[in-house]
Amino acid sequence: MKRIPDYRFNRKKKHDHSEILVYIIMAYMCGRTTLRRAVRWANKNLDNPKKHLTLSHGIASVSTVQRLLANI
């Protein structure tokens, strides 16, 4: 399986790329069609994604998700 390259500085690597992608996809599948609404859904429904993900630093901010998607 090919991994997504991570171009961030080591000190700024709080959130795992795969976890961000999973809960953004979950939010889109629940009808949240913008990143802002997807992150808001993930924050409100944190118990649901935590069943399957570690989320040691919680849900990433909208700007972090935007940077991730821009680098893919």
N, C-alpha and C. Protein backbone atom coordinates (compact mmCIF):
# COMPACT_ATOMS: atom_id res chain seq x y z
N MET A 1 0.85 -1.17 0.00
CA MET A 1 0.00 0.00 0.00
C MET A 1 0.89 1.24 0.00
N LYS A 2 0.64 2.16 -0.88
CA LYS A 2 1.43 3.37 -0.97
C LYS A 2 0.96 4.39 0.06
N ARG A 3 1.92 4.94 0.81
CA ARG A 3 1.59 5.92 1.84
C ARG A 3 1.59 7.32 1.26
N ILE A 4 0.77 8.17 1.83
CA ILE A 4 0.73 9.58 1.45
C ILE A 4 1.95 10.26 2.07
N PRO A 5 2.77 10.95 1.28
CA PRO A 5 3.93 11.61 1.88
C PRO A 5 3.51 12.74 2.82
N ASP A 6 4.25 12.88 3.90
CA ASP A 6 3.94 13.90 4.90
C ASP A 6 5.04 14.96 4.86
N TYR A 7 4.72 16.15 4.36
CA TYR A 7 5.70 17.20 4.16
C TYR A 7 5.81 18.15 5.35
N ARG A 8 5.09 17.88 6.42
CA ARG A 8 5.11 18.79 7.56
C ARG A 8 6.40 18.66 8.35
N PHE A 9 6.72 19.70 9.13
CA PHE A 9 7.86 19.64 10.05
C PHE A 9 7.54 18.62 11.13
N ASN A 10 8.55 17.97 11.66
CA ASN A 10 8.33 16.95 12.69
C ASN A 10 7.62 17.50 13.92
N ARG A 11 7.91 18.74 14.30
CA ARG A 11 7.29 19.29 15.50
C ARG A 11 5.82 19.62 15.29
N LYS A 12 5.35 19.64 14.05
CA LYS A 12 3.96 20.00 13.78
C LYS A 12 3.11 18.79 13.38
N LYS A 13 3.60 17.60 13.59
CA LYS A 13 2.87 16.40 13.20
C LYS A 13 2.04 15.87 14.37
N LYS A 14 0.92 16.51 14.63
CA LYS A 14 0.05 16.06 15.71
C LYS A 14 -0.96 15.03 15.20
N HIS A 15 -1.57 15.31 14.07
CA HIS A 15 -2.68 14.50 13.57
C HIS A 15 -2.20 13.54 12.48
N ASP A 16 -2.72 12.34 12.53
CA ASP A 16 -2.37 11.33 11.54
C ASP A 16 -3.19 11.56 10.27
N HIS A 17 -2.52 11.52 9.12
CA HIS A 17 -3.21 11.76 7.85
C HIS A 17 -4.37 10.80 7.63
N SER A 18 -4.14 9.53 7.89
CA SER A 18 -5.19 8.55 7.63
C SER A 18 -6.41 8.79 8.51
N GLU A 19 -6.21 9.20 9.76
CA GLU A 19 -7.35 9.47 10.63
C GLU A 19 -8.14 10.67 10.14
N ILE A 20 -7.45 11.71 9.70
CA ILE A 20 -8.15 12.88 9.17
C ILE A 20 -9.00 12.48 7.97
N LEU A 21 -8.41 11.73 7.06
CA LEU A 21 -9.15 11.33 5.87
C LEU A 21 -10.36 10.47 6.22
N VAL A 22 -10.21 9.59 7.20
CA VAL A 22 -11.32 8.71 7.58
C VAL A 22 -12.50 9.51 8.11
N TYR A 23 -12.26 10.44 9.06
CA TYR A 23 -13.43 11.13 9.61
C TYR A 23 -13.98 12.19 8.65
N ILE A 24 -13.18 12.71 7.74
CA ILE A 24 -13.72 13.61 6.72
C ILE A 24 -14.61 12.82 5.76
N ILE A 25 -14.18 11.63 5.38
CA ILE A 25 -15.00 10.79 4.50
C ILE A 25 -16.28 10.36 5.22
N MET A 26 -16.17 10.03 6.51
CA MET A 26 -17.38 9.68 7.29
C MET A 26 -18.37 10.83 7.30
N ALA A 27 -17.86 12.05 7.48
CA ALA A 27 -18.74 13.22 7.52
C ALA A 27 -19.39 13.45 6.16
N TYR A 28 -18.62 13.28 5.09
CA TYR A 28 -19.20 13.46 3.76
C TYR A 28 -20.27 12.41 3.49
N MET A 29 -20.05 11.19 3.97
CA MET A 29 -21.06 10.14 3.79
C MET A 29 -22.33 10.44 4.58
N CYS A 30 -22.21 11.24 5.64
CA CYS A 30 -23.37 11.64 6.44
C CYS A 30 -24.02 12.92 5.91
N GLY A 31 -23.55 13.40 4.76
CA GLY A 31 -24.20 14.54 4.13
C GLY A 31 -23.55 15.88 4.39
N ARG A 32 -22.43 15.92 5.07
CA ARG A 32 -21.73 17.20 5.30
C ARG A 32 -20.84 17.46 4.10
N THR A 33 -21.20 18.44 3.29
CA THR A 33 -20.58 18.61 1.98
C THR A 33 -19.48 19.67 1.93
N THR A 34 -19.20 20.33 3.03
CA THR A 34 -18.08 21.27 3.06
C THR A 34 -17.11 20.84 4.16
N LEU A 35 -15.88 21.28 4.06
CA LEU A 35 -14.89 20.91 5.08
C LEU A 35 -15.27 21.47 6.45
N ARG A 36 -15.75 22.69 6.47
CA ARG A 36 -16.14 23.30 7.75
C ARG A 36 -17.25 22.49 8.42
N ARG A 37 -18.24 22.07 7.65
CA ARG A 37 -19.33 21.27 8.22
C ARG A 37 -18.85 19.87 8.59
N ALA A 38 -17.91 19.33 7.81
CA ALA A 38 -17.38 18.00 8.10
C ALA A 38 -16.60 18.01 9.42
N VAL A 39 -15.79 19.04 9.64
CA VAL A 39 -15.03 19.13 10.89
C VAL A 39 -15.97 19.38 12.06
N ARG A 40 -16.98 20.21 11.85
CA ARG A 40 -17.97 20.46 12.91
C ARG A 40 -18.70 19.16 13.27
N TRP A 41 -19.06 18.35 12.26
CA TRP A 41 -19.71 17.06 12.50
C TRP A 41 -18.78 16.15 13.30
N ALA A 42 -17.51 16.11 12.92
CA ALA A 42 -16.56 15.25 13.62
C ALA A 42 -16.41 15.68 15.08
N ASN A 43 -16.40 16.98 15.35
CA ASN A 43 -16.29 17.46 16.72
C ASN A 43 -17.53 17.13 17.54
N LYS A 44 -18.70 17.25 16.93
CA LYS A 44 -19.94 16.96 17.66
C LYS A 44 -20.14 15.46 17.87
N ASN A 45 -19.64 14.67 16.95
CA ASN A 45 -19.83 13.22 17.01
C ASN A 45 -18.50 12.52 17.27
N LEU A 46 -17.71 13.06 18.18
CA LEU A 46 -16.38 12.54 18.46
C LEU A 46 -16.42 11.11 18.96
N ASP A 47 -17.48 10.74 19.68
CA ASP A 47 -17.55 9.37 20.21
C ASP A 47 -17.66 8.34 19.09
N ASN A 48 -18.30 8.68 17.98
CA ASN A 48 -18.43 7.74 16.88
C ASN A 48 -17.08 7.46 16.20
N PRO A 49 -16.32 8.47 15.78
CA PRO A 49 -15.01 8.17 15.19
C PRO A 49 -14.03 7.55 16.19
N LYS A 50 -14.14 7.86 17.48
CA LYS A 50 -13.21 7.32 18.48
C LYS A 50 -13.37 5.82 18.66
N LYS A 51 -14.48 5.25 18.22
CA LYS A 51 -14.66 3.80 18.30
C LYS A 51 -13.65 3.09 17.40
N HIS A 52 -13.24 3.76 16.33
CA HIS A 52 -12.39 3.10 15.34
C HIS A 52 -11.03 3.75 15.18
N LEU A 53 -10.85 4.97 15.70
CA LEU A 53 -9.60 5.71 15.51
C LEU A 53 -8.99 6.06 16.86
N THR A 54 -7.70 6.32 16.87
CA THR A 54 -7.01 6.70 18.11
C THR A 54 -7.34 8.14 18.49
N LEU A 55 -7.19 9.07 17.56
CA LEU A 55 -7.47 10.49 17.77
C LEU A 55 -6.85 11.02 19.05
N SER A 56 -5.55 10.77 19.22
CA SER A 56 -4.87 11.19 20.44
C SER A 56 -4.84 12.70 20.62
N HIS A 57 -4.92 13.47 19.52
CA HIS A 57 -4.93 14.93 19.60
C HIS A 57 -6.27 15.51 19.19
N GLY A 58 -7.29 14.69 19.15
CA GLY A 58 -8.62 15.17 18.80
C GLY A 58 -8.79 15.39 17.32
N ILE A 59 -9.76 16.19 16.96
CA ILE A 59 -10.09 16.48 15.57
C ILE A 59 -9.24 17.65 15.10
N ALA A 60 -8.70 17.54 13.91
CA ALA A 60 -7.87 18.61 13.34
C ALA A 60 -8.75 19.80 12.97
N SER A 61 -8.13 20.97 12.91
CA SER A 61 -8.87 22.18 12.54
C SER A 61 -9.13 22.18 11.03
N VAL A 62 -10.00 23.06 10.60
CA VAL A 62 -10.34 23.16 9.18
C VAL A 62 -9.10 23.52 8.36
N SER A 63 -8.28 24.43 8.87
CA SER A 63 -7.09 24.83 8.11
C SER A 63 -6.09 23.68 7.99
N THR A 64 -5.99 22.84 9.01
CA THR A 64 -5.11 21.67 8.93
C THR A 64 -5.62 20.69 7.88
N VAL A 65 -6.92 20.47 7.85
CA VAL A 65 -7.51 19.57 6.86
C VAL A 65 -7.30 20.14 5.45
N GLN A 66 -7.47 21.44 5.30
CA GLN A 66 -7.26 22.07 3.99
C GLN A 66 -5.82 21.90 3.53
N ARG A 67 -4.86 22.09 4.43
CA ARG A 67 -3.45 21.92 4.07
C ARG A 67 -3.16 20.48 3.68
N LEU A 68 -3.74 19.54 4.41
CA LEU A 68 -3.56 18.13 4.08
C LEU A 68 -4.06 17.83 2.69
N LEU A 69 -5.28 18.26 2.39
CA LEU A 69 -5.88 17.96 1.09
C LEU A 69 -5.15 18.69 -0.04
N ALA A 70 -4.61 19.85 0.24
CA ALA A 70 -3.87 20.58 -0.78
C ALA A 70 -2.56 19.89 -1.13
N ASN A 71 -1.97 19.18 -0.16
CA ASN A 71 -0.69 18.50 -0.39
C ASN A 71 -0.85 17.13 -1.02
N ILE A 72 -2.05 16.60 -1.05
CA ILE A 72 -2.25 15.26 -1.63
C ILE A 72 -2.21 15.34 -3.14
